[in-house]
Amino acid sequence: MTTDSATATATVVIAAFTVVLAVVGGVQAWLTRKTINLARDEFISTHRPKIAIHSIWLMLDMIDQSTDDATIRAEIIYFNVGATPARVVDITAKISRRPVPLQTGITTWATHEVPQEPIVGGGKGYISVKSDIRINHEKVMQQAEATPRHAVVCMGKIIYEDDLGVRRETGFCRQLDAVAERWYNPADVRPSNSEYEYAY
């Protein structure tokens, strides 16, 4: 075998080996990316975000200073108590008068603005829910009825997604105690209505 043919053979072998190395490297990179994505998905699945209602405060919007007449409003604070970011996609909440005990299957239609950025673990958000219901009227109604047939409630839900696009939901329901000027959880009094207080 001449020197030229030996050189040509060696060049072909080196080129083939280089191609094999490139293919193996590509496969290895693909497997590495797949492993990283799998680990990320598993982390998100086991460390999911979770939106929880922290508090709901009764606020009064004054109508007439001379009579202290005011409409009621709810200021809702919620937190992401999970370990990964939550992207809020929909918030519905409404203050309305309902027969008590509350019926099942009540839905809310008033949509509220959602945060533009995902809520990181430990991050918080706010919802402000207004109404035309007057606090003084509700005080008179509650004091006049020993067993109320109707109640003013603030209810709604927050729908959010994790980084994998899995949707989750948190529901809340508070009932107005006009005399004490506060919102309270009717499920604490009537456990059968707890379907409106949930997080999954």
N, C-alpha and C. Protein backbone atom coordinates (compact mmCIF):
# COMPACT_ATOMS: atom_id res chain seq x y z
N MET A 1 0.85 -1.18 0.00
CA MET A 1 0.00 0.00 0.00
C MET A 1 0.89 1.23 0.00
N THR A 2 0.58 2.12 -0.92
CA THR A 2 1.40 3.33 -1.04
C THR A 2 1.05 4.31 0.07
N THR A 3 1.91 5.29 0.19
CA THR A 3 1.70 6.32 1.21
C THR A 3 0.43 7.09 0.94
N ASP A 4 0.15 7.40 -0.33
CA ASP A 4 -1.05 8.17 -0.67
C ASP A 4 -2.32 7.40 -0.33
N SER A 5 -2.34 6.09 -0.65
CA SER A 5 -3.54 5.30 -0.36
C SER A 5 -3.72 5.12 1.15
N ALA A 6 -2.60 4.99 1.87
CA ALA A 6 -2.69 4.86 3.33
C ALA A 6 -3.24 6.15 3.94
N THR A 7 -2.81 7.28 3.43
CA THR A 7 -3.29 8.57 3.91
C THR A 7 -4.79 8.72 3.62
N ALA A 8 -5.17 8.30 2.40
CA ALA A 8 -6.58 8.40 2.02
C ALA A 8 -7.44 7.51 2.90
N THR A 9 -6.96 6.30 3.17
CA THR A 9 -7.70 5.37 4.02
C THR A 9 -7.83 5.93 5.43
N ALA A 10 -6.73 6.47 5.94
CA ALA A 10 -6.76 7.04 7.29
C ALA A 10 -7.72 8.23 7.36
N THR A 11 -7.73 9.05 6.30
CA THR A 11 -8.63 10.21 6.26
C THR A 11 -10.08 9.76 6.28
N VAL A 12 -10.40 8.71 5.50
CA VAL A 12 -11.76 8.18 5.46
C VAL A 12 -12.17 7.65 6.83
N VAL A 13 -11.25 6.91 7.48
CA VAL A 13 -11.54 6.35 8.80
C VAL A 13 -11.77 7.47 9.82
N ILE A 14 -10.92 8.50 9.77
CA ILE A 14 -11.06 9.62 10.71
C ILE A 14 -12.39 10.36 10.46
N ALA A 15 -12.73 10.54 9.18
CA ALA A 15 -13.99 11.22 8.85
C ALA A 15 -15.19 10.41 9.36
N ALA A 16 -15.14 9.09 9.15
CA ALA A 16 -16.24 8.23 9.62
C ALA A 16 -16.34 8.27 11.14
N PHE A 17 -15.19 8.25 11.80
CA PHE A 17 -15.18 8.30 13.26
C PHE A 17 -15.74 9.63 13.76
N THR A 18 -15.41 10.72 13.06
CA THR A 18 -15.92 12.05 13.41
C THR A 18 -17.44 12.09 13.28
N VAL A 19 -17.95 11.49 12.20
CA VAL A 19 -19.40 11.44 11.99
C VAL A 19 -20.07 10.66 13.11
N VAL A 20 -19.45 9.51 13.48
CA VAL A 20 -19.99 8.69 14.57
C VAL A 20 -20.00 9.50 15.87
N LEU A 21 -18.91 10.21 16.16
CA LEU A 21 -18.84 11.04 17.38
C LEU A 21 -19.91 12.13 17.37
N ALA A 22 -20.14 12.75 16.20
CA ALA A 22 -21.15 13.80 16.10
C ALA A 22 -22.54 13.23 16.37
N VAL A 23 -22.83 12.05 15.81
CA VAL A 23 -24.13 11.43 16.02
C VAL A 23 -24.31 11.06 17.48
N VAL A 24 -23.29 10.45 18.08
CA VAL A 24 -23.36 10.07 19.49
C VAL A 24 -23.52 11.31 20.37
N GLY A 25 -22.79 12.37 20.05
CA GLY A 25 -22.92 13.62 20.81
C GLY A 25 -24.31 14.21 20.70
N GLY A 26 -24.89 14.18 19.50
CA GLY A 26 -26.26 14.68 19.31
C GLY A 26 -27.27 13.88 20.10
N VAL A 27 -27.12 12.54 20.06
CA VAL A 27 -28.03 11.68 20.82
C VAL A 27 -27.88 11.95 22.32
N GLN A 28 -26.64 12.11 22.75
CA GLN A 28 -26.38 12.39 24.16
C GLN A 28 -27.00 13.72 24.58
N ALA A 29 -26.89 14.74 23.73
CA ALA A 29 -27.50 16.04 24.03
C ALA A 29 -29.01 15.93 24.10
N TRP A 30 -29.61 15.16 23.18
CA TRP A 30 -31.07 14.97 23.18
C TRP A 30 -31.52 14.26 24.45
N LEU A 31 -30.76 13.21 24.85
CA LEU A 31 -31.09 12.48 26.07
C LEU A 31 -30.94 13.38 27.31
N THR A 32 -29.93 14.23 27.30
CA THR A 32 -29.71 15.14 28.42
C THR A 32 -30.87 16.13 28.53
N ARG A 33 -31.29 16.71 27.38
CA ARG A 33 -32.43 17.64 27.39
C ARG A 33 -33.70 16.95 27.88
N LYS A 34 -33.89 15.73 27.43
CA LYS A 34 -35.09 14.97 27.83
C LYS A 34 -35.06 14.71 29.34
N THR A 35 -33.91 14.35 29.87
CA THR A 35 -33.77 14.10 31.31
C THR A 35 -34.03 15.37 32.11
N ILE A 36 -33.49 16.50 31.64
CA ILE A 36 -33.69 17.78 32.33
C ILE A 36 -35.17 18.17 32.32
N ASN A 37 -35.83 18.02 31.16
CA ASN A 37 -37.25 18.35 31.06
C ASN A 37 -38.10 17.45 31.95
N LEU A 38 -37.73 16.16 31.99
CA LEU A 38 -38.47 15.23 32.85
C LEU A 38 -38.32 15.60 34.32
N ALA A 39 -37.09 15.95 34.71
CA ALA A 39 -36.85 16.35 36.10
C ALA A 39 -37.60 17.64 36.43
N ARG A 40 -37.62 18.58 35.48
CA ARG A 40 -38.36 19.83 35.69
C ARG A 40 -39.84 19.56 35.84
N ASP A 41 -40.41 18.75 34.95
CA ASP A 41 -41.84 18.44 35.02
C ASP A 41 -42.19 17.72 36.33
N GLU A 42 -41.31 16.83 36.75
CA GLU A 42 -41.55 16.11 38.01
C GLU A 42 -41.49 17.07 39.19
N PHE A 43 -40.55 18.02 39.15
CA PHE A 43 -40.43 19.00 40.22
C PHE A 43 -41.70 19.85 40.31
N ILE A 44 -42.19 20.33 39.14
CA ILE A 44 -43.39 21.17 39.12
C ILE A 44 -44.60 20.38 39.62
N SER A 45 -44.67 19.09 39.23
CA SER A 45 -45.81 18.26 39.64
C SER A 45 -45.83 18.04 41.15
N THR A 46 -44.66 17.88 41.74
CA THR A 46 -44.60 17.60 43.18
C THR A 46 -44.48 18.88 44.02
N HIS A 47 -44.12 19.99 43.38
CA HIS A 47 -44.00 21.27 44.08
C HIS A 47 -44.89 22.29 43.37
N ARG A 48 -46.17 21.97 43.28
CA ARG A 48 -47.08 22.79 42.50
C ARG A 48 -47.40 24.11 43.20
N PRO A 49 -47.84 25.11 42.43
CA PRO A 49 -48.32 26.34 43.07
C PRO A 49 -49.66 26.10 43.74
N LYS A 50 -50.00 26.93 44.69
CA LYS A 50 -51.30 26.81 45.36
C LYS A 50 -51.74 28.20 45.82
N ILE A 51 -52.83 28.67 45.22
CA ILE A 51 -53.38 29.96 45.60
C ILE A 51 -54.31 29.76 46.80
N ALA A 52 -54.07 30.52 47.86
CA ALA A 52 -54.89 30.43 49.07
C ALA A 52 -55.37 31.83 49.45
N ILE A 53 -56.61 31.91 49.90
CA ILE A 53 -57.16 33.19 50.35
C ILE A 53 -56.60 33.49 51.75
N HIS A 54 -55.95 34.63 51.87
CA HIS A 54 -55.38 35.02 53.17
C HIS A 54 -56.41 35.73 54.04
N SER A 55 -57.11 36.71 53.45
CA SER A 55 -58.10 37.45 54.23
C SER A 55 -59.05 38.19 53.30
N ILE A 56 -60.25 38.46 53.81
CA ILE A 56 -61.24 39.27 53.10
C ILE A 56 -61.73 40.33 54.08
N TRP A 57 -61.48 41.57 53.74
CA TRP A 57 -61.81 42.69 54.62
C TRP A 57 -63.04 43.43 54.11
N LEU A 58 -63.89 43.84 55.05
CA LEU A 58 -65.04 44.65 54.70
C LEU A 58 -64.62 46.11 54.65
N MET A 59 -64.86 46.75 53.52
CA MET A 59 -64.58 48.17 53.35
C MET A 59 -65.90 48.88 53.07
N LEU A 60 -66.00 50.13 53.49
CA LEU A 60 -67.22 50.92 53.30
C LEU A 60 -66.91 52.12 52.42
N ASP A 61 -67.71 52.27 51.37
CA ASP A 61 -67.58 53.43 50.47
C ASP A 61 -68.68 54.42 50.83
N MET A 62 -68.30 55.53 51.45
CA MET A 62 -69.25 56.50 51.98
C MET A 62 -70.08 57.14 50.88
N ILE A 63 -71.40 57.19 51.12
CA ILE A 63 -72.33 57.84 50.19
C ILE A 63 -72.76 59.19 50.75
N ASP A 64 -73.10 59.19 52.03
CA ASP A 64 -73.61 60.41 52.68
C ASP A 64 -72.94 60.56 54.04
N GLN A 65 -72.13 61.59 54.18
CA GLN A 65 -71.39 61.83 55.43
C GLN A 65 -72.34 62.10 56.59
N SER A 66 -73.47 62.76 56.33
CA SER A 66 -74.36 63.16 57.42
C SER A 66 -75.10 61.97 58.04
N THR A 67 -75.32 60.92 57.25
CA THR A 67 -76.05 59.76 57.77
C THR A 67 -75.15 58.53 57.96
N ASP A 68 -73.89 58.67 57.64
CA ASP A 68 -72.95 57.54 57.68
C ASP A 68 -73.39 56.40 56.77
N ASP A 69 -74.16 56.73 55.74
CA ASP A 69 -74.60 55.70 54.81
C ASP A 69 -73.46 55.37 53.85
N ALA A 70 -73.25 54.07 53.64
CA ALA A 70 -72.14 53.63 52.79
C ALA A 70 -72.48 52.31 52.13
N THR A 71 -71.88 52.08 50.98
CA THR A 71 -72.00 50.78 50.32
C THR A 71 -70.85 49.89 50.76
N ILE A 72 -71.07 48.58 50.63
CA ILE A 72 -70.07 47.63 51.10
C ILE A 72 -69.16 47.19 49.95
N ARG A 73 -67.94 46.87 50.32
CA ARG A 73 -66.94 46.39 49.37
C ARG A 73 -66.10 45.33 50.06
N ALA A 74 -65.55 44.41 49.28
CA ALA A 74 -64.67 43.38 49.83
C ALA A 74 -63.27 43.56 49.25
N GLU A 75 -62.28 43.60 50.11
CA GLU A 75 -60.88 43.64 49.68
C GLU A 75 -60.28 42.27 50.01
N ILE A 76 -59.91 41.54 48.98
CA ILE A 76 -59.47 40.15 49.12
C ILE A 76 -57.97 40.08 48.88
N ILE A 77 -57.26 39.45 49.81
CA ILE A 77 -55.82 39.24 49.67
C ILE A 77 -55.58 37.74 49.53
N TYR A 78 -54.85 37.34 48.49
CA TYR A 78 -54.52 35.93 48.31
C TYR A 78 -53.02 35.77 48.09
N PHE A 79 -52.53 34.58 48.45
CA PHE A 79 -51.11 34.26 48.34
C PHE A 79 -50.90 33.00 47.52
N ASN A 80 -49.75 32.90 46.89
CA ASN A 80 -49.30 31.63 46.33
C ASN A 80 -48.48 30.96 47.42
N VAL A 81 -49.07 29.98 48.10
CA VAL A 81 -48.38 29.30 49.19
C VAL A 81 -47.60 28.08 48.68
N GLY A 82 -47.57 27.89 47.36
CA GLY A 82 -46.81 26.79 46.76
C GLY A 82 -45.37 27.19 46.49
N ALA A 83 -44.62 26.26 45.89
CA ALA A 83 -43.19 26.47 45.67
C ALA A 83 -42.86 26.97 44.27
N THR A 84 -43.80 26.89 43.34
CA THR A 84 -43.54 27.30 41.96
C THR A 84 -44.52 28.39 41.55
N PRO A 85 -44.20 29.15 40.49
CA PRO A 85 -45.07 30.26 40.09
C PRO A 85 -46.46 29.81 39.64
N ALA A 86 -47.44 30.67 39.90
CA ALA A 86 -48.82 30.45 39.46
C ALA A 86 -49.20 31.59 38.52
N ARG A 87 -49.70 31.22 37.34
CA ARG A 87 -50.16 32.23 36.39
C ARG A 87 -51.69 32.29 36.48
N VAL A 88 -52.20 33.39 37.03
CA VAL A 88 -53.64 33.55 37.20
C VAL A 88 -54.25 33.83 35.83
N VAL A 89 -55.26 33.04 35.44
CA VAL A 89 -55.87 33.20 34.12
C VAL A 89 -57.30 33.74 34.20
N ASP A 90 -57.95 33.62 35.36
CA ASP A 90 -59.32 34.13 35.47
C ASP A 90 -59.68 34.34 36.94
N ILE A 91 -60.35 35.45 37.21
CA ILE A 91 -60.86 35.73 38.55
C ILE A 91 -62.31 36.17 38.40
N THR A 92 -63.22 35.48 39.08
CA THR A 92 -64.61 35.92 39.13
C THR A 92 -65.00 36.10 40.60
N ALA A 93 -65.69 37.18 40.89
CA ALA A 93 -66.14 37.44 42.26
C ALA A 93 -67.29 38.42 42.22
N LYS A 94 -68.23 38.23 43.14
CA LYS A 94 -69.41 39.10 43.17
C LYS A 94 -69.99 39.14 44.57
N ILE A 95 -70.51 40.31 44.95
CA ILE A 95 -71.26 40.46 46.19
C ILE A 95 -72.74 40.48 45.81
N SER A 96 -73.52 39.62 46.44
CA SER A 96 -74.95 39.55 46.13
C SER A 96 -75.74 39.06 47.33
N ARG A 97 -77.04 39.25 47.27
CA ARG A 97 -77.93 38.78 48.33
C ARG A 97 -78.47 37.41 47.91
N ARG A 98 -78.38 36.43 48.81
CA ARG A 98 -78.78 35.05 48.50
C ARG A 98 -79.66 34.49 49.61
N PRO A 99 -80.56 33.55 49.27
CA PRO A 99 -81.30 32.84 50.32
C PRO A 99 -80.33 32.00 51.15
N VAL A 100 -80.59 31.91 52.44
CA VAL A 100 -79.79 31.05 53.31
C VAL A 100 -80.67 29.96 53.90
N PRO A 101 -80.10 28.75 54.08
CA PRO A 101 -78.72 28.39 53.75
C PRO A 101 -78.48 28.45 52.25
N LEU A 102 -77.24 28.66 51.87
CA LEU A 102 -76.89 28.79 50.47
C LEU A 102 -77.21 27.50 49.71
N GLN A 103 -77.70 27.68 48.49
CA GLN A 103 -77.96 26.53 47.63
C GLN A 103 -76.66 26.08 46.99
N THR A 104 -76.66 24.88 46.45
CA THR A 104 -75.49 24.39 45.74
C THR A 104 -75.52 24.88 44.30
N GLY A 105 -74.35 24.88 43.66
CA GLY A 105 -74.27 25.21 42.24
C GLY A 105 -74.34 26.68 41.90
N ILE A 106 -74.07 27.56 42.85
CA ILE A 106 -74.07 29.01 42.56
C ILE A 106 -72.82 29.34 41.77
N THR A 107 -72.97 30.10 40.70
CA THR A 107 -71.82 30.54 39.92
C THR A 107 -71.71 32.05 39.98
N THR A 108 -70.51 32.56 39.78
CA THR A 108 -70.29 34.01 39.75
C THR A 108 -69.87 34.39 38.33
N TRP A 109 -70.30 35.58 37.90
CA TRP A 109 -70.04 35.99 36.53
C TRP A 109 -69.21 37.25 36.41
N ALA A 110 -69.06 38.00 37.48
CA ALA A 110 -68.31 39.25 37.41
C ALA A 110 -66.82 38.97 37.33
N THR A 111 -66.22 39.29 36.20
CA THR A 111 -64.80 39.01 35.98
C THR A 111 -63.96 40.19 36.44
N HIS A 112 -62.82 39.89 37.05
CA HIS A 112 -61.91 40.92 37.53
C HIS A 112 -60.56 40.80 36.83
N GLU A 113 -59.82 41.89 36.86
CA GLU A 113 -58.53 41.93 36.19
C GLU A 113 -57.55 40.96 36.85
N VAL A 114 -56.79 40.25 36.01
CA VAL A 114 -55.81 39.28 36.53
C VAL A 114 -54.42 39.90 36.49
N PRO A 115 -53.52 39.45 37.36
CA PRO A 115 -52.14 39.96 37.34
C PRO A 115 -51.46 39.64 36.01
N GLN A 116 -50.64 40.57 35.52
CA GLN A 116 -49.94 40.36 34.26
C GLN A 116 -48.77 39.39 34.39
N GLU A 117 -48.15 39.38 35.55
CA GLU A 117 -47.00 38.52 35.79
C GLU A 117 -47.40 37.33 36.65
N PRO A 118 -46.72 36.18 36.48
CA PRO A 118 -46.99 35.03 37.37
C PRO A 118 -46.70 35.40 38.82
N ILE A 119 -47.42 34.78 39.72
CA ILE A 119 -47.22 35.02 41.16
C ILE A 119 -46.27 33.95 41.68
N VAL A 120 -45.09 34.35 42.09
CA VAL A 120 -44.08 33.41 42.57
C VAL A 120 -44.49 32.86 43.93
N GLY A 121 -43.83 31.79 44.35
CA GLY A 121 -44.08 31.24 45.68
C GLY A 121 -43.88 32.30 46.74
N GLY A 122 -44.88 32.49 47.60
CA GLY A 122 -44.81 33.53 48.61
C GLY A 122 -45.36 34.87 48.14
N GLY A 123 -45.63 35.01 46.84
CA GLY A 123 -46.15 36.26 46.31
C GLY A 123 -47.64 36.41 46.59
N LYS A 124 -48.15 37.64 46.48
CA LYS A 124 -49.56 37.87 46.79
C LYS A 124 -50.24 38.71 45.72
N GLY A 125 -51.57 38.66 45.74
CA GLY A 125 -52.39 39.45 44.83
C GLY A 125 -53.60 39.98 45.56
N TYR A 126 -54.31 40.89 44.90
CA TYR A 126 -55.46 41.56 45.51
C TYR A 126 -56.65 41.55 44.57
N ILE A 127 -57.84 41.51 45.15
CA ILE A 127 -59.09 41.67 44.40
C ILE A 127 -59.95 42.66 45.17
N SER A 128 -60.53 43.61 44.47
CA SER A 128 -61.46 44.55 45.08
C SER A 128 -62.83 44.33 44.45
N VAL A 129 -63.83 44.00 45.28
CA VAL A 129 -65.17 43.70 44.79
C VAL A 129 -66.13 44.74 45.35
N LYS A 130 -66.72 45.54 44.47
CA LYS A 130 -67.65 46.59 44.89
C LYS A 130 -69.09 46.12 44.80
N SER A 131 -69.98 46.88 45.44
CA SER A 131 -71.41 46.57 45.36
C SER A 131 -72.20 47.85 45.60
N ASP A 132 -73.53 47.76 45.36
CA ASP A 132 -74.44 48.87 45.65
C ASP A 132 -75.21 48.61 46.95
N ILE A 133 -74.87 47.55 47.66
CA ILE A 133 -75.59 47.18 48.88
C ILE A 133 -75.15 48.10 50.03
N ARG A 134 -76.13 48.64 50.76
CA ARG A 134 -75.84 49.63 51.79
C ARG A 134 -75.74 48.97 53.16
N ILE A 135 -74.72 49.35 53.89
CA ILE A 135 -74.43 48.73 55.19
C ILE A 135 -75.53 49.02 56.21
N ASN A 136 -76.06 50.23 56.24
CA ASN A 136 -77.09 50.57 57.23
C ASN A 136 -78.35 49.77 57.01
N HIS A 137 -78.74 49.58 55.77
CA HIS A 137 -79.92 48.78 55.46
C HIS A 137 -79.73 47.34 55.95
N GLU A 138 -78.53 46.79 55.71
CA GLU A 138 -78.25 45.41 56.12
C GLU A 138 -78.24 45.27 57.64
N LYS A 139 -77.77 46.28 58.33
CA LYS A 139 -77.80 46.25 59.80
C LYS A 139 -79.23 46.18 60.31
N VAL A 140 -80.10 46.99 59.74
CA VAL A 140 -81.51 47.01 60.16
C VAL A 140 -82.15 45.65 59.87
N MET A 141 -81.87 45.10 58.68
CA MET A 141 -82.44 43.81 58.29
C MET A 141 -81.98 42.70 59.23
N GLN A 142 -80.69 42.66 59.55
CA GLN A 142 -80.17 41.60 60.41
C GLN A 142 -80.70 41.71 61.84
N GLN A 143 -80.84 42.90 62.33
CA GLN A 143 -81.33 43.08 63.69
C GLN A 143 -82.83 42.80 63.80
N ALA A 144 -83.54 42.95 62.68
CA ALA A 144 -85.00 42.75 62.69
C ALA A 144 -85.39 41.28 62.57
N GLU A 145 -84.50 40.45 61.97
CA GLU A 145 -84.83 39.04 61.75
C GLU A 145 -84.05 38.15 62.69
N ALA A 146 -84.79 37.40 63.53
CA ALA A 146 -84.11 36.47 64.44
C ALA A 146 -83.46 35.34 63.65
N THR A 147 -84.15 34.87 62.62
CA THR A 147 -83.59 33.84 61.73
C THR A 147 -83.62 34.39 60.31
N PRO A 148 -82.52 34.95 59.86
CA PRO A 148 -82.49 35.57 58.53
C PRO A 148 -82.79 34.56 57.42
N ARG A 149 -83.57 34.99 56.45
CA ARG A 149 -83.87 34.14 55.29
C ARG A 149 -82.95 34.45 54.12
N HIS A 150 -82.30 35.61 54.17
CA HIS A 150 -81.37 36.01 53.12
C HIS A 150 -80.09 36.55 53.76
N ALA A 151 -79.02 36.49 53.00
CA ALA A 151 -77.75 37.02 53.49
C ALA A 151 -76.98 37.62 52.32
N VAL A 152 -76.13 38.57 52.63
CA VAL A 152 -75.24 39.14 51.61
C VAL A 152 -73.94 38.34 51.65
N VAL A 153 -73.54 37.84 50.49
CA VAL A 153 -72.32 37.03 50.42
C VAL A 153 -71.38 37.59 49.36
N CYS A 154 -70.11 37.40 49.60
CA CYS A 154 -69.08 37.68 48.60
C CYS A 154 -68.48 36.32 48.23
N MET A 155 -68.65 35.94 46.98
CA MET A 155 -68.16 34.63 46.57
C MET A 155 -67.49 34.73 45.21
N GLY A 156 -66.58 33.80 44.97
CA GLY A 156 -65.89 33.80 43.69
C GLY A 156 -64.86 32.71 43.61
N LYS A 157 -64.04 32.78 42.56
CA LYS A 157 -62.98 31.78 42.38
C LYS A 157 -61.82 32.38 41.61
N ILE A 158 -60.66 31.80 41.83
CA ILE A 158 -59.43 32.18 41.13
C ILE A 158 -58.94 30.95 40.39
N ILE A 159 -58.81 31.06 39.07
CA ILE A 159 -58.30 29.95 38.25
C ILE A 159 -56.88 30.29 37.84
N TYR A 160 -55.98 29.35 38.02
CA TYR A 160 -54.57 29.61 37.71
C TYR A 160 -53.93 28.35 37.12
N GLU A 161 -52.74 28.54 36.51
CA GLU A 161 -52.01 27.45 35.87
C GLU A 161 -50.59 27.37 36.43
N ASP A 162 -50.04 26.15 36.41
CA ASP A 162 -48.62 26.00 36.73
C ASP A 162 -47.82 26.11 35.44
N ASP A 163 -46.52 25.92 35.51
CA ASP A 163 -45.66 26.05 34.33
C ASP A 163 -45.91 24.97 33.28
N LEU A 164 -46.61 23.91 33.64
CA LEU A 164 -46.94 22.86 32.69
C LEU A 164 -48.29 23.10 32.03
N GLY A 165 -48.98 24.19 32.42
CA GLY A 165 -50.28 24.49 31.86
C GLY A 165 -51.43 23.76 32.54
N VAL A 166 -51.15 23.09 33.67
CA VAL A 166 -52.20 22.39 34.41
C VAL A 166 -53.03 23.43 35.18
N ARG A 167 -54.33 23.42 34.97
CA ARG A 167 -55.21 24.39 35.62
C ARG A 167 -55.62 23.94 37.01
N ARG A 168 -55.66 24.90 37.91
CA ARG A 168 -56.09 24.66 39.28
C ARG A 168 -57.05 25.78 39.68
N GLU A 169 -57.73 25.59 40.80
CA GLU A 169 -58.79 26.54 41.16
C GLU A 169 -58.90 26.69 42.67
N THR A 170 -59.15 27.91 43.10
CA THR A 170 -59.42 28.21 44.50
C THR A 170 -60.74 28.97 44.58
N GLY A 171 -61.66 28.47 45.40
CA GLY A 171 -62.95 29.13 45.57
C GLY A 171 -63.07 29.73 46.95
N PHE A 172 -63.85 30.79 47.07
CA PHE A 172 -64.05 31.42 48.38
C PHE A 172 -65.47 31.93 48.51
N CYS A 173 -65.94 31.98 49.74
CA CYS A 173 -67.29 32.48 50.04
C CYS A 173 -67.28 33.07 51.45
N ARG A 174 -67.70 34.31 51.56
CA ARG A 174 -67.82 34.95 52.87
C ARG A 174 -69.21 35.58 52.98
N GLN A 175 -69.73 35.56 54.18
CA GLN A 175 -71.05 36.12 54.43
C GLN A 175 -70.89 37.39 55.27
N LEU A 176 -71.75 38.37 55.00
CA LEU A 176 -71.67 39.65 55.69
C LEU A 176 -72.33 39.61 57.06
N ASP A 177 -71.57 40.00 58.07
CA ASP A 177 -72.14 40.29 59.38
C ASP A 177 -72.16 41.82 59.45
N ALA A 178 -73.32 42.41 59.10
CA ALA A 178 -73.41 43.86 59.00
C ALA A 178 -73.27 44.54 60.35
N VAL A 179 -73.79 43.92 61.40
CA VAL A 179 -73.74 44.53 62.73
C VAL A 179 -72.29 44.63 63.22
N ALA A 180 -71.54 43.54 63.04
CA ALA A 180 -70.13 43.55 63.45
C ALA A 180 -69.22 44.13 62.37
N GLU A 181 -69.78 44.43 61.21
CA GLU A 181 -69.03 44.98 60.07
C GLU A 181 -67.83 44.12 59.74
N ARG A 182 -68.13 42.89 59.33
CA ARG A 182 -67.06 41.98 58.94
C ARG A 182 -67.61 40.92 57.98
N TRP A 183 -66.70 40.27 57.25
CA TRP A 183 -67.03 39.10 56.46
C TRP A 183 -66.62 37.86 57.25
N TYR A 184 -67.45 36.82 57.23
CA TYR A 184 -67.06 35.57 57.88
C TYR A 184 -67.39 34.41 56.96
N ASN A 185 -66.80 33.27 57.24
CA ASN A 185 -66.97 32.08 56.41
C ASN A 185 -68.24 31.35 56.83
N PRO A 186 -69.28 31.30 55.95
CA PRO A 186 -70.51 30.60 56.35
C PRO A 186 -70.30 29.11 56.56
N ALA A 187 -69.24 28.55 55.99
CA ALA A 187 -68.96 27.12 56.21
C ALA A 187 -68.62 26.85 57.67
N ASP A 188 -68.13 27.87 58.38
CA ASP A 188 -67.86 27.69 59.81
C ASP A 188 -69.16 27.50 60.59
N VAL A 189 -70.26 28.04 60.05
CA VAL A 189 -71.55 27.93 60.71
C VAL A 189 -72.38 26.81 60.11
N ARG A 190 -72.31 26.70 58.78
CA ARG A 190 -73.09 25.69 58.06
C ARG A 190 -72.13 24.88 57.18
N PRO A 191 -71.59 23.79 57.70
CA PRO A 191 -70.60 23.01 56.95
C PRO A 191 -71.09 22.53 55.59
N SER A 192 -72.40 22.39 55.39
CA SER A 192 -72.92 21.91 54.12
C SER A 192 -72.62 22.89 52.98
N ASN A 193 -72.30 24.14 53.31
CA ASN A 193 -72.01 25.13 52.28
C ASN A 193 -70.52 25.25 51.98
N SER A 194 -69.73 24.34 52.50
CA SER A 194 -68.28 24.44 52.33
C SER A 194 -67.84 24.18 50.89
N GLU A 195 -68.75 23.83 49.99
CA GLU A 195 -68.37 23.61 48.59
C GLU A 195 -67.84 24.89 47.95
N TYR A 196 -68.10 26.04 48.53
CA TYR A 196 -67.63 27.29 47.97
C TYR A 196 -66.28 27.71 48.53
N GLU A 197 -65.75 26.99 49.48
CA GLU A 197 -64.43 27.23 50.04
C GLU A 197 -63.56 26.04 49.70
N TYR A 198 -62.68 26.18 48.72
CA TYR A 198 -61.90 25.02 48.30
C TYR A 198 -60.61 25.49 47.62
N ALA A 199 -59.69 24.57 47.48
CA ALA A 199 -58.46 24.80 46.73
C ALA A 199 -57.97 23.45 46.23
N TYR A 200 -57.84 23.31 44.92
CA TYR A 200 -57.33 22.05 44.35
C TYR A 200 -56.50 22.31 43.12
